[in-house]
Amino acid sequence: RWGISTNKPAAYAEPLLESINLQPACGSL
């Protein structure tokens, strides 16, 4: 599995990942 740990606030990280749509999707943000 893979995940993301970032200091980017969720208000920006979540829509960014939705826009990029990496697959398979991450299991943890």
mmCIF file of all heavy atoms, coordinates in Angstrom:
data_MODEL
# 
_entry.id   MODEL 
# 
loop_
_atom_site.group_PDB 
_atom_site.id 
_atom_site.type_symbol 
_atom_site.label_atom_id 
_atom_site.label_alt_id 
_atom_site.label_comp_id 
_atom_site.label_asym_id 
_atom_site.label_entity_id 
_atom_site.label_seq_id 
_atom_site.pdbx_PDB_ins_code 
_atom_site.Cartn_x 
_atom_site.Cartn_y 
_atom_site.Cartn_z 
_atom_site.occupancy 
_atom_site.B_iso_or_equiv 
_atom_site.pdbx_formal_charge 
_atom_site.auth_seq_id 
_atom_site.auth_comp_id 
_atom_site.auth_asym_id 
_atom_site.auth_atom_id 
_atom_site.pdbx_PDB_model_num 
ATOM 1   N N   . ARG A 1 1  ? 0.844   -1.203 0.000   1.00 0.00 ? 1  ARG A N   1 
ATOM 2   C CA  . ARG A 1 1  ? 0.000   0.000  0.000   1.00 0.00 ? 1  ARG A CA  1 
ATOM 3   C C   . ARG A 1 1  ? 0.875   1.246  0.000   1.00 0.00 ? 1  ARG A C   1 
ATOM 4   O O   . ARG A 1 1  ? 2.077   1.191  0.301   1.00 0.00 ? 1  ARG A O   1 
ATOM 5   C CB  . ARG A 1 1  ? -0.931  -0.013 1.210   1.00 0.00 ? 1  ARG A CB  1 
ATOM 6   C CG  . ARG A 1 1  ? -1.795  -1.265 1.321   1.00 0.00 ? 1  ARG A CG  1 
ATOM 7   C CD  . ARG A 1 1  ? -2.841  -1.115 2.397   1.00 0.00 ? 1  ARG A CD  1 
ATOM 8   N NE  . ARG A 1 1  ? -3.874  -0.180 1.983   1.00 0.00 ? 1  ARG A NE  1 
ATOM 9   C CZ  . ARG A 1 1  ? -4.791  0.368  2.809   1.00 0.00 ? 1  ARG A CZ  1 
ATOM 10  N NH1 . ARG A 1 1  ? -4.754  0.069  4.095   1.00 0.00 ? 1  ARG A NH1 1 
ATOM 11  N NH2 . ARG A 1 1  ? -5.701  1.196  2.361   1.00 0.00 ? 1  ARG A NH2 1 
ATOM 12  N N   . TRP A 1 2  ? 0.264   2.384  -0.325  1.00 0.00 ? 2  TRP A N   1 
ATOM 13  C CA  . TRP A 1 2  ? 1.032   3.625  -0.298  1.00 0.00 ? 2  TRP A CA  1 
ATOM 14  C C   . TRP A 1 2  ? 0.184   4.759  0.267   1.00 0.00 ? 2  TRP A C   1 
ATOM 15  O O   . TRP A 1 2  ? -1.041  4.727  0.233   1.00 0.00 ? 2  TRP A O   1 
ATOM 16  C CB  . TRP A 1 2  ? 1.572   3.977  -1.683  1.00 0.00 ? 2  TRP A CB  1 
ATOM 17  C CG  . TRP A 1 2  ? 0.567   4.473  -2.685  1.00 0.00 ? 2  TRP A CG  1 
ATOM 18  C CD1 . TRP A 1 2  ? -0.269  3.726  -3.458  1.00 0.00 ? 2  TRP A CD1 1 
ATOM 19  C CD2 . TRP A 1 2  ? 0.318   5.840  -3.035  1.00 0.00 ? 2  TRP A CD2 1 
ATOM 20  N NE1 . TRP A 1 2  ? -1.032  4.525  -4.271  1.00 0.00 ? 2  TRP A NE1 1 
ATOM 21  C CE2 . TRP A 1 2  ? -0.689  5.838  -4.039  1.00 0.00 ? 2  TRP A CE2 1 
ATOM 22  C CE3 . TRP A 1 2  ? 0.848   7.056  -2.612  1.00 0.00 ? 2  TRP A CE3 1 
ATOM 23  C CZ2 . TRP A 1 2  ? -1.172  7.013  -4.610  1.00 0.00 ? 2  TRP A CZ2 1 
ATOM 24  C CZ3 . TRP A 1 2  ? 0.364   8.228  -3.188  1.00 0.00 ? 2  TRP A CZ3 1 
ATOM 25  C CH2 . TRP A 1 2  ? -0.633  8.185  -4.174  1.00 0.00 ? 2  TRP A CH2 1 
ATOM 26  N N   . GLY A 1 3  ? 0.887   5.735  0.822   1.00 0.00 ? 3  GLY A N   1 
ATOM 27  C CA  . GLY A 1 3  ? 0.206   6.870  1.422   1.00 0.00 ? 3  GLY A CA  1 
ATOM 28  C C   . GLY A 1 3  ? 1.024   8.132  1.276   1.00 0.00 ? 3  GLY A C   1 
ATOM 29  O O   . GLY A 1 3  ? 2.112   8.132  0.692   1.00 0.00 ? 3  GLY A O   1 
ATOM 30  N N   . ILE A 1 4  ? 0.477   9.211  1.815   1.00 0.00 ? 4  ILE A N   1 
ATOM 31  C CA  . ILE A 1 4  ? 1.100   10.534 1.725   1.00 0.00 ? 4  ILE A CA  1 
ATOM 32  C C   . ILE A 1 4  ? 1.110   11.171 3.101   1.00 0.00 ? 4  ILE A C   1 
ATOM 33  O O   . ILE A 1 4  ? 0.093   11.167 3.802   1.00 0.00 ? 4  ILE A O   1 
ATOM 34  C CB  . ILE A 1 4  ? 0.329   11.444 0.747   1.00 0.00 ? 4  ILE A CB  1 
ATOM 35  C CG1 . ILE A 1 4  ? 0.387   10.884 -0.680  1.00 0.00 ? 4  ILE A CG1 1 
ATOM 36  C CG2 . ILE A 1 4  ? 0.876   12.877 0.787   1.00 0.00 ? 4  ILE A CG2 1 
ATOM 37  C CD1 . ILE A 1 4  ? -0.588  11.563 -1.634  1.00 0.00 ? 4  ILE A CD1 1 
ATOM 38  N N   . SER A 1 5  ? 2.240   11.716 3.483   1.00 0.00 ? 5  SER A N   1 
ATOM 39  C CA  . SER A 1 5  ? 2.348   12.541 4.688   1.00 0.00 ? 5  SER A CA  1 
ATOM 40  C C   . SER A 1 5  ? 2.905   13.887 4.261   1.00 0.00 ? 5  SER A C   1 
ATOM 41  O O   . SER A 1 5  ? 4.041   13.976 3.794   1.00 0.00 ? 5  SER A O   1 
ATOM 42  C CB  . SER A 1 5  ? 3.270   11.884 5.717   1.00 0.00 ? 5  SER A CB  1 
ATOM 43  O OG  . SER A 1 5  ? 3.343   12.675 6.890   1.00 0.00 ? 5  SER A OG  1 
ATOM 44  N N   . THR A 1 6  ? 2.106   14.928 4.398   1.00 0.00 ? 6  THR A N   1 
ATOM 45  C CA  . THR A 1 6  ? 2.472   16.240 3.887   1.00 0.00 ? 6  THR A CA  1 
ATOM 46  C C   . THR A 1 6  ? 2.173   17.330 4.904   1.00 0.00 ? 6  THR A C   1 
ATOM 47  O O   . THR A 1 6  ? 1.274   17.184 5.729   1.00 0.00 ? 6  THR A O   1 
ATOM 48  C CB  . THR A 1 6  ? 1.716   16.540 2.570   1.00 0.00 ? 6  THR A CB  1 
ATOM 49  O OG1 . THR A 1 6  ? 2.036   17.857 2.117   1.00 0.00 ? 6  THR A OG1 1 
ATOM 50  C CG2 . THR A 1 6  ? 0.206   16.439 2.767   1.00 0.00 ? 6  THR A CG2 1 
ATOM 51  N N   . ASN A 1 7  ? 2.934   18.420 4.832   1.00 0.00 ? 7  ASN A N   1 
ATOM 52  C CA  . ASN A 1 7  ? 2.610   19.603 5.628   1.00 0.00 ? 7  ASN A CA  1 
ATOM 53  C C   . ASN A 1 7  ? 1.719   20.566 4.857   1.00 0.00 ? 7  ASN A C   1 
ATOM 54  O O   . ASN A 1 7  ? 1.481   21.687 5.297   1.00 0.00 ? 7  ASN A O   1 
ATOM 55  C CB  . ASN A 1 7  ? 3.898   20.308 6.076   1.00 0.00 ? 7  ASN A CB  1 
ATOM 56  C CG  . ASN A 1 7  ? 4.517   19.647 7.304   1.00 0.00 ? 7  ASN A CG  1 
ATOM 57  O OD1 . ASN A 1 7  ? 3.976   18.682 7.839   1.00 0.00 ? 7  ASN A OD1 1 
ATOM 58  N ND2 . ASN A 1 7  ? 5.641   20.163 7.750   1.00 0.00 ? 7  ASN A ND2 1 
ATOM 59  N N   . LYS A 1 8  ? 1.217   20.121 3.723   1.00 0.00 ? 8  LYS A N   1 
ATOM 60  C CA  . LYS A 1 8  ? 0.264   20.909 2.929   1.00 0.00 ? 8  LYS A CA  1 
ATOM 61  C C   . LYS A 1 8  ? -1.122  20.744 3.542   1.00 0.00 ? 8  LYS A C   1 
ATOM 62  O O   . LYS A 1 8  ? -1.570  19.610 3.762   1.00 0.00 ? 8  LYS A O   1 
ATOM 63  C CB  . LYS A 1 8  ? 0.261   20.389 1.487   1.00 0.00 ? 8  LYS A CB  1 
ATOM 64  C CG  . LYS A 1 8  ? -0.412  21.280 0.457   1.00 0.00 ? 8  LYS A CG  1 
ATOM 65  C CD  . LYS A 1 8  ? -0.429  20.558 -0.879  1.00 0.00 ? 8  LYS A CD  1 
ATOM 66  C CE  . LYS A 1 8  ? -0.616  21.497 -2.049  1.00 0.00 ? 8  LYS A CE  1 
ATOM 67  N NZ  . LYS A 1 8  ? 0.646   22.184 -2.391  1.00 0.00 ? 8  LYS A NZ  1 
ATOM 68  N N   . PRO A 1 9  ? -1.834  21.834 3.861   1.00 0.00 ? 9  PRO A N   1 
ATOM 69  C CA  . PRO A 1 9  ? -3.167  21.702 4.454   1.00 0.00 ? 9  PRO A CA  1 
ATOM 70  C C   . PRO A 1 9  ? -4.106  20.877 3.573   1.00 0.00 ? 9  PRO A C   1 
ATOM 71  O O   . PRO A 1 9  ? -4.008  20.883 2.345   1.00 0.00 ? 9  PRO A O   1 
ATOM 72  C CB  . PRO A 1 9  ? -3.642  23.152 4.575   1.00 0.00 ? 9  PRO A CB  1 
ATOM 73  C CG  . PRO A 1 9  ? -2.381  23.954 4.654   1.00 0.00 ? 9  PRO A CG  1 
ATOM 74  C CD  . PRO A 1 9  ? -1.405  23.235 3.759   1.00 0.00 ? 9  PRO A CD  1 
ATOM 75  N N   . ALA A 1 10 ? -5.029  20.195 4.213   1.00 0.00 ? 10 ALA A N   1 
ATOM 76  C CA  . ALA A 1 10 ? -5.965  19.335 3.491   1.00 0.00 ? 10 ALA A CA  1 
ATOM 77  C C   . ALA A 1 10 ? -6.797  20.104 2.472   1.00 0.00 ? 10 ALA A C   1 
ATOM 78  O O   . ALA A 1 10 ? -7.171  19.553 1.435   1.00 0.00 ? 10 ALA A O   1 
ATOM 79  C CB  . ALA A 1 10 ? -6.880  18.628 4.488   1.00 0.00 ? 10 ALA A CB  1 
ATOM 80  N N   . ALA A 1 11 ? -7.077  21.373 2.746   1.00 0.00 ? 11 ALA A N   1 
ATOM 81  C CA  . ALA A 1 11 ? -7.878  22.188 1.829   1.00 0.00 ? 11 ALA A CA  1 
ATOM 82  C C   . ALA A 1 11 ? -7.225  22.313 0.457   1.00 0.00 ? 11 ALA A C   1 
ATOM 83  O O   . ALA A 1 11 ? -7.909  22.591 -0.536  1.00 0.00 ? 11 ALA A O   1 
ATOM 84  C CB  . ALA A 1 11 ? -8.104  23.580 2.425   1.00 0.00 ? 11 ALA A CB  1 
ATOM 85  N N   . TYR A 1 12 ? -5.915  22.108 0.389   1.00 0.00 ? 12 TYR A N   1 
ATOM 86  C CA  . TYR A 1 12 ? -5.202  22.168 -0.887  1.00 0.00 ? 12 TYR A CA  1 
ATOM 87  C C   . TYR A 1 12 ? -4.761  20.780 -1.347  1.00 0.00 ? 12 TYR A C   1 
ATOM 88  O O   . TYR A 1 12 ? -4.815  20.478 -2.541  1.00 0.00 ? 12 TYR A O   1 
ATOM 89  C CB  . TYR A 1 12 ? -3.984  23.088 -0.767  1.00 0.00 ? 12 TYR A CB  1 
ATOM 90  C CG  . TYR A 1 12 ? -4.357  24.464 -0.294  1.00 0.00 ? 12 TYR A CG  1 
ATOM 91  C CD1 . TYR A 1 12 ? -4.171  24.839 1.036   1.00 0.00 ? 12 TYR A CD1 1 
ATOM 92  C CD2 . TYR A 1 12 ? -4.948  25.386 -1.150  1.00 0.00 ? 12 TYR A CD2 1 
ATOM 93  C CE1 . TYR A 1 12 ? -4.543  26.096 1.493   1.00 0.00 ? 12 TYR A CE1 1 
ATOM 94  C CE2 . TYR A 1 12 ? -5.327  26.646 -0.709  1.00 0.00 ? 12 TYR A CE2 1 
ATOM 95  C CZ  . TYR A 1 12 ? -5.123  26.996 0.609   1.00 0.00 ? 12 TYR A CZ  1 
ATOM 96  O OH  . TYR A 1 12 ? -5.514  28.237 1.058   1.00 0.00 ? 12 TYR A OH  1 
ATOM 97  N N   . ALA A 1 13 ? -4.350  19.935 -0.407  1.00 0.00 ? 13 ALA A N   1 
ATOM 98  C CA  . ALA A 1 13 ? -3.864  18.600 -0.778  1.00 0.00 ? 13 ALA A CA  1 
ATOM 99  C C   . ALA A 1 13 ? -4.975  17.742 -1.376  1.00 0.00 ? 13 ALA A C   1 
ATOM 100 O O   . ALA A 1 13 ? -4.760  17.047 -2.384  1.00 0.00 ? 13 ALA A O   1 
ATOM 101 C CB  . ALA A 1 13 ? -3.260  17.907 0.442   1.00 0.00 ? 13 ALA A CB  1 
ATOM 102 N N   . GLU A 1 14 ? -6.156  17.774 -0.771  1.00 0.00 ? 14 GLU A N   1 
ATOM 103 C CA  . GLU A 1 14 ? -7.240  16.902 -1.235  1.00 0.00 ? 14 GLU A CA  1 
ATOM 104 C C   . GLU A 1 14 ? -7.706  17.250 -2.662  1.00 0.00 ? 14 GLU A C   1 
ATOM 105 O O   . GLU A 1 14 ? -7.784  16.358 -3.515  1.00 0.00 ? 14 GLU A O   1 
ATOM 106 C CB  . GLU A 1 14 ? -8.390  16.934 -0.239  1.00 0.00 ? 14 GLU A CB  1 
ATOM 107 C CG  . GLU A 1 14 ? -8.044  16.234 1.077   1.00 0.00 ? 14 GLU A CG  1 
ATOM 108 C CD  . GLU A 1 14 ? -9.111  16.389 2.138   1.00 0.00 ? 14 GLU A CD  1 
ATOM 109 O OE1 . GLU A 1 14 ? -10.103 17.128 1.897   1.00 0.00 ? 14 GLU A OE1 1 
ATOM 110 O OE2 . GLU A 1 14 ? -8.970  15.773 3.212   1.00 0.00 ? 14 GLU A OE2 1 
ATOM 111 N N   . PRO A 1 15 ? -8.016  18.521 -2.967  1.00 0.00 ? 15 PRO A N   1 
ATOM 112 C CA  . PRO A 1 15 ? -8.417  18.818 -4.349  1.00 0.00 ? 15 PRO A CA  1 
ATOM 113 C C   . PRO A 1 15 ? -7.289  18.624 -5.359  1.00 0.00 ? 15 PRO A C   1 
ATOM 114 O O   . PRO A 1 15 ? -7.543  18.276 -6.518  1.00 0.00 ? 15 PRO A O   1 
ATOM 115 C CB  . PRO A 1 15 ? -8.877  20.283 -4.293  1.00 0.00 ? 15 PRO A CB  1 
ATOM 116 C CG  . PRO A 1 15 ? -8.317  20.840 -3.038  1.00 0.00 ? 15 PRO A CG  1 
ATOM 117 C CD  . PRO A 1 15 ? -8.188  19.694 -2.093  1.00 0.00 ? 15 PRO A CD  1 
ATOM 118 N N   . LEU A 1 16 ? -6.042  18.840 -4.920  1.00 0.00 ? 16 LEU A N   1 
ATOM 119 C CA  . LEU A 1 16 ? -4.920  18.619 -5.830  1.00 0.00 ? 16 LEU A CA  1 
ATOM 120 C C   . LEU A 1 16 ? -4.857  17.149 -6.227  1.00 0.00 ? 16 LEU A C   1 
ATOM 121 O O   . LEU A 1 16 ? -4.727  16.816 -7.417  1.00 0.00 ? 16 LEU A O   1 
ATOM 122 C CB  . LEU A 1 16 ? -3.609  19.046 -5.167  1.00 0.00 ? 16 LEU A CB  1 
ATOM 123 C CG  . LEU A 1 16 ? -2.335  18.763 -5.965  1.00 0.00 ? 16 LEU A CG  1 
ATOM 124 C CD1 . LEU A 1 16 ? -2.355  19.498 -7.298  1.00 0.00 ? 16 LEU A CD1 1 
ATOM 125 C CD2 . LEU A 1 16 ? -1.105  19.143 -5.160  1.00 0.00 ? 16 LEU A CD2 1 
ATOM 126 N N   . LEU A 1 17 ? -4.960  16.254 -5.251  1.00 0.00 ? 17 LEU A N   1 
ATOM 127 C CA  . LEU A 1 17 ? -4.909  14.824 -5.550  1.00 0.00 ? 17 LEU A CA  1 
ATOM 128 C C   . LEU A 1 17 ? -6.114  14.380 -6.380  1.00 0.00 ? 17 LEU A C   1 
ATOM 129 O O   . LEU A 1 17 ? -5.994  13.521 -7.263  1.00 0.00 ? 17 LEU A O   1 
ATOM 130 C CB  . LEU A 1 17 ? -4.830  14.024 -4.253  1.00 0.00 ? 17 LEU A CB  1 
ATOM 131 C CG  . LEU A 1 17 ? -3.487  14.116 -3.525  1.00 0.00 ? 17 LEU A CG  1 
ATOM 132 C CD1 . LEU A 1 17 ? -3.597  13.502 -2.139  1.00 0.00 ? 17 LEU A CD1 1 
ATOM 133 C CD2 . LEU A 1 17 ? -2.382  13.436 -4.321  1.00 0.00 ? 17 LEU A CD2 1 
ATOM 134 N N   . GLU A 1 18 ? -7.254  14.987 -6.120  1.00 0.00 ? 18 GLU A N   1 
ATOM 135 C CA  . GLU A 1 18 ? -8.443  14.668 -6.921  1.00 0.00 ? 18 GLU A CA  1 
ATOM 136 C C   . GLU A 1 18 ? -8.228  15.081 -8.368  1.00 0.00 ? 18 GLU A C   1 
ATOM 137 O O   . GLU A 1 18 ? -8.612  14.372 -9.302  1.00 0.00 ? 18 GLU A O   1 
ATOM 138 C CB  . GLU A 1 18 ? -9.668  15.382 -6.338  1.00 0.00 ? 18 GLU A CB  1 
ATOM 139 C CG  . GLU A 1 18 ? -10.961 15.038 -7.040  1.00 0.00 ? 18 GLU A CG  1 
ATOM 140 C CD  . GLU A 1 18 ? -12.168 15.677 -6.372  1.00 0.00 ? 18 GLU A CD  1 
ATOM 141 O OE1 . GLU A 1 18 ? -12.057 16.168 -5.235  1.00 0.00 ? 18 GLU A OE1 1 
ATOM 142 O OE2 . GLU A 1 18 ? -13.244 15.681 -7.013  1.00 0.00 ? 18 GLU A OE2 1 
ATOM 143 N N   . SER A 1 19 ? -7.590  16.231 -8.558  1.00 0.00 ? 19 SER A N   1 
ATOM 144 C CA  . SER A 1 19 ? -7.322  16.726 -9.906  1.00 0.00 ? 19 SER A CA  1 
ATOM 145 C C   . SER A 1 19 ? -6.319  15.831 -10.640 1.00 0.00 ? 19 SER A C   1 
ATOM 146 O O   . SER A 1 19 ? -6.497  15.523 -11.816 1.00 0.00 ? 19 SER A O   1 
ATOM 147 C CB  . SER A 1 19 ? -6.774  18.159 -9.825  1.00 0.00 ? 19 SER A CB  1 
ATOM 148 O OG  . SER A 1 19 ? -6.301  18.607 -11.070 1.00 0.00 ? 19 SER A OG  1 
ATOM 149 N N   . ILE A 1 20 ? -5.280  15.404 -9.936  1.00 0.00 ? 20 ILE A N   1 
ATOM 150 C CA  . ILE A 1 20 ? -4.228  14.589 -10.563 1.00 0.00 ? 20 ILE A CA  1 
ATOM 151 C C   . ILE A 1 20 ? -4.686  13.152 -10.766 1.00 0.00 ? 20 ILE A C   1 
ATOM 152 O O   . ILE A 1 20 ? -4.333  12.495 -11.743 1.00 0.00 ? 20 ILE A O   1 
ATOM 153 C CB  . ILE A 1 20 ? -2.948  14.626 -9.703  1.00 0.00 ? 20 ILE A CB  1 
ATOM 154 C CG1 . ILE A 1 20 ? -2.423  16.058 -9.598  1.00 0.00 ? 20 ILE A CG1 1 
ATOM 155 C CG2 . ILE A 1 20 ? -1.871  13.717 -10.284 1.00 0.00 ? 20 ILE A CG2 1 
ATOM 156 C CD1 . ILE A 1 20 ? -2.082  16.715 -10.919 1.00 0.00 ? 20 ILE A CD1 1 
ATOM 157 N N   . ASN A 1 21 ? -5.487  12.629 -9.810  1.00 0.00 ? 21 ASN A N   1 
ATOM 158 C CA  . ASN A 1 21 ? -6.093  11.300 -9.917  1.00 0.00 ? 21 ASN A CA  1 
ATOM 159 C C   . ASN A 1 21 ? -5.073  10.187 -10.117 1.00 0.00 ? 21 ASN A C   1 
ATOM 160 O O   . ASN A 1 21 ? -5.158  9.386  -11.050 1.00 0.00 ? 21 ASN A O   1 
ATOM 161 C CB  . ASN A 1 21 ? -7.132  11.269 -11.050 1.00 0.00 ? 21 ASN A CB  1 
ATOM 162 C CG  . ASN A 1 21 ? -7.979  10.007 -11.008 1.00 0.00 ? 21 ASN A CG  1 
ATOM 163 O OD1 . ASN A 1 21 ? -8.242  9.467  -9.931  1.00 0.00 ? 21 ASN A OD1 1 
ATOM 164 N ND2 . ASN A 1 21 ? -8.421  9.553  -12.158 1.00 0.00 ? 21 ASN A ND2 1 
ATOM 165 N N   . LEU A 1 22 ? -4.089  10.129 -9.212  1.00 0.00 ? 22 LEU A N   1 
ATOM 166 C CA  . LEU A 1 22 ? -3.123  9.041  -9.260  1.00 0.00 ? 22 LEU A CA  1 
ATOM 167 C C   . LEU A 1 22 ? -3.821  7.714  -8.996  1.00 0.00 ? 22 LEU A C   1 
ATOM 168 O O   . LEU A 1 22 ? -4.656  7.608  -8.109  1.00 0.00 ? 22 LEU A O   1 
ATOM 169 C CB  . LEU A 1 22 ? -2.038  9.262  -8.205  1.00 0.00 ? 22 LEU A CB  1 
ATOM 170 C CG  . LEU A 1 22 ? -0.930  10.254 -8.547  1.00 0.00 ? 22 LEU A CG  1 
ATOM 171 C CD1 . LEU A 1 22 ? -0.126  10.588 -7.300  1.00 0.00 ? 22 LEU A CD1 1 
ATOM 172 C CD2 . LEU A 1 22 ? -0.027  9.702  -9.636  1.00 0.00 ? 22 LEU A CD2 1 
ATOM 173 N N   . GLN A 1 23 ? -3.428  6.701  -9.758  1.00 0.00 ? 23 GLN A N   1 
ATOM 174 C CA  . GLN A 1 23 ? -3.988  5.361  -9.587  1.00 0.00 ? 23 GLN A CA  1 
ATOM 175 C C   . GLN A 1 23 ? -2.861  4.339  -9.522  1.00 0.00 ? 23 GLN A C   1 
ATOM 176 O O   . GLN A 1 23 ? -1.894  4.449  -10.270 1.00 0.00 ? 23 GLN A O   1 
ATOM 177 C CB  . GLN A 1 23 ? -4.935  5.039  -10.740 1.00 0.00 ? 23 GLN A CB  1 
ATOM 178 C CG  . GLN A 1 23 ? -6.172  5.898  -10.784 1.00 0.00 ? 23 GLN A CG  1 
ATOM 179 C CD  . GLN A 1 23 ? -7.060  5.731  -9.562  1.00 0.00 ? 23 GLN A CD  1 
ATOM 180 O OE1 . GLN A 1 23 ? -7.168  4.626  -9.026  1.00 0.00 ? 23 GLN A OE1 1 
ATOM 181 N NE2 . GLN A 1 23 ? -7.691  6.814  -9.127  1.00 0.00 ? 23 GLN A NE2 1 
ATOM 182 N N   . PRO A 1 24 ? -2.996  3.354  -8.637  1.00 0.00 ? 24 PRO A N   1 
ATOM 183 C CA  . PRO A 1 24 ? -4.062  3.157  -7.654  1.00 0.00 ? 24 PRO A CA  1 
ATOM 184 C C   . PRO A 1 24 ? -4.041  4.278  -6.612  1.00 0.00 ? 24 PRO A C   1 
ATOM 185 O O   . PRO A 1 24 ? -2.981  4.825  -6.317  1.00 0.00 ? 24 PRO A O   1 
ATOM 186 C CB  . PRO A 1 24 ? -3.715  1.804  -7.023  1.00 0.00 ? 24 PRO A CB  1 
ATOM 187 C CG  . PRO A 1 24 ? -2.237  1.688  -7.199  1.00 0.00 ? 24 PRO A CG  1 
ATOM 188 C CD  . PRO A 1 24 ? -1.928  2.326  -8.520  1.00 0.00 ? 24 PRO A CD  1 
ATOM 189 N N   . ALA A 1 25 ? -5.209  4.600  -6.089  1.00 0.00 ? 25 ALA A N   1 
ATOM 190 C CA  . ALA A 1 25 ? -5.329  5.713  -5.155  1.00 0.00 ? 25 ALA A CA  1 
ATOM 191 C C   . ALA A 1 25 ? -4.587  5.423  -3.853  1.00 0.00 ? 25 ALA A C   1 
ATOM 192 O O   . ALA A 1 25 ? -4.427  4.268  -3.457  1.00 0.00 ? 25 ALA A O   1 
ATOM 193 C CB  . ALA A 1 25 ? -6.801  5.984  -4.864  1.00 0.00 ? 25 ALA A CB  1 
ATOM 194 N N   . CYS A 1 26 ? -4.142  6.503  -3.189  1.00 0.00 ? 26 CYS A N   1 
ATOM 195 C CA  . CYS A 1 26 ? -3.413  6.308  -1.933  1.00 0.00 ? 26 CYS A CA  1 
ATOM 196 C C   . CYS A 1 26 ? -4.358  5.805  -0.842  1.00 0.00 ? 26 CYS A C   1 
ATOM 197 O O   . CYS A 1 26 ? -5.541  6.125  -0.832  1.00 0.00 ? 26 CYS A O   1 
ATOM 198 C CB  . CYS A 1 26 ? -2.731  7.604  -1.499  1.00 0.00 ? 26 CYS A CB  1 
ATOM 199 S SG  . CYS A 1 26 ? -3.807  8.922  -0.954  1.00 0.00 ? 26 CYS A SG  1 
ATOM 200 N N   . GLY A 1 27 ? -3.792  5.044  0.066   1.00 0.00 ? 27 GLY A N   1 
ATOM 201 C CA  . GLY A 1 27 ? -4.584  4.483  1.155   1.00 0.00 ? 27 GLY A CA  1 
ATOM 202 C C   . GLY A 1 27 ? -4.581  5.339  2.396   1.00 0.00 ? 27 GLY A C   1 
ATOM 203 O O   . GLY A 1 27 ? -5.298  5.045  3.359   1.00 0.00 ? 27 GLY A O   1 
ATOM 204 N N   . SER A 1 28 ? -3.776  6.411  2.394   1.00 0.00 ? 28 SER A N   1 
ATOM 205 C CA  . SER A 1 28 ? -3.687  7.274  3.568   1.00 0.00 ? 28 SER A CA  1 
ATOM 206 C C   . SER A 1 28 ? -3.145  8.630  3.156   1.00 0.00 ? 28 SER A C   1 
ATOM 207 O O   . SER A 1 28 ? -2.085  8.713  2.525   1.00 0.00 ? 28 SER A O   1 
ATOM 208 C CB  . SER A 1 28 ? -2.762  6.641  4.618   1.00 0.00 ? 28 SER A CB  1 
ATOM 209 O OG  . SER A 1 28 ? -2.482  7.550  5.661   1.00 0.00 ? 28 SER A OG  1 
ATOM 210 N N   . LEU A 1 29 ? -3.878  9.680  3.505   1.00 0.00 ? 29 LEU A N   1 
ATOM 211 C CA  . LEU A 1 29 ? -3.415  11.051 3.311   1.00 0.00 ? 29 LEU A CA  1 
ATOM 212 C C   . LEU A 1 29 ? -3.443  11.740 4.665   1.00 0.00 ? 29 LEU A C   1 
ATOM 213 O O   . LEU A 1 29 ? -4.502  11.907 5.260   1.00 0.00 ? 29 LEU A O   1 
ATOM 214 C CB  . LEU A 1 29 ? -4.304  11.808 2.325   1.00 0.00 ? 29 LEU A CB  1 
ATOM 215 C CG  . LEU A 1 29 ? -4.051  13.320 2.225   1.00 0.00 ? 29 LEU A CG  1 
ATOM 216 C CD1 . LEU A 1 29 ? -2.642  13.608 1.712   1.00 0.00 ? 29 LEU A CD1 1 
ATOM 217 C CD2 . LEU A 1 29 ? -5.102  13.982 1.339   1.00 0.00 ? 29 LEU A CD2 1 
# 
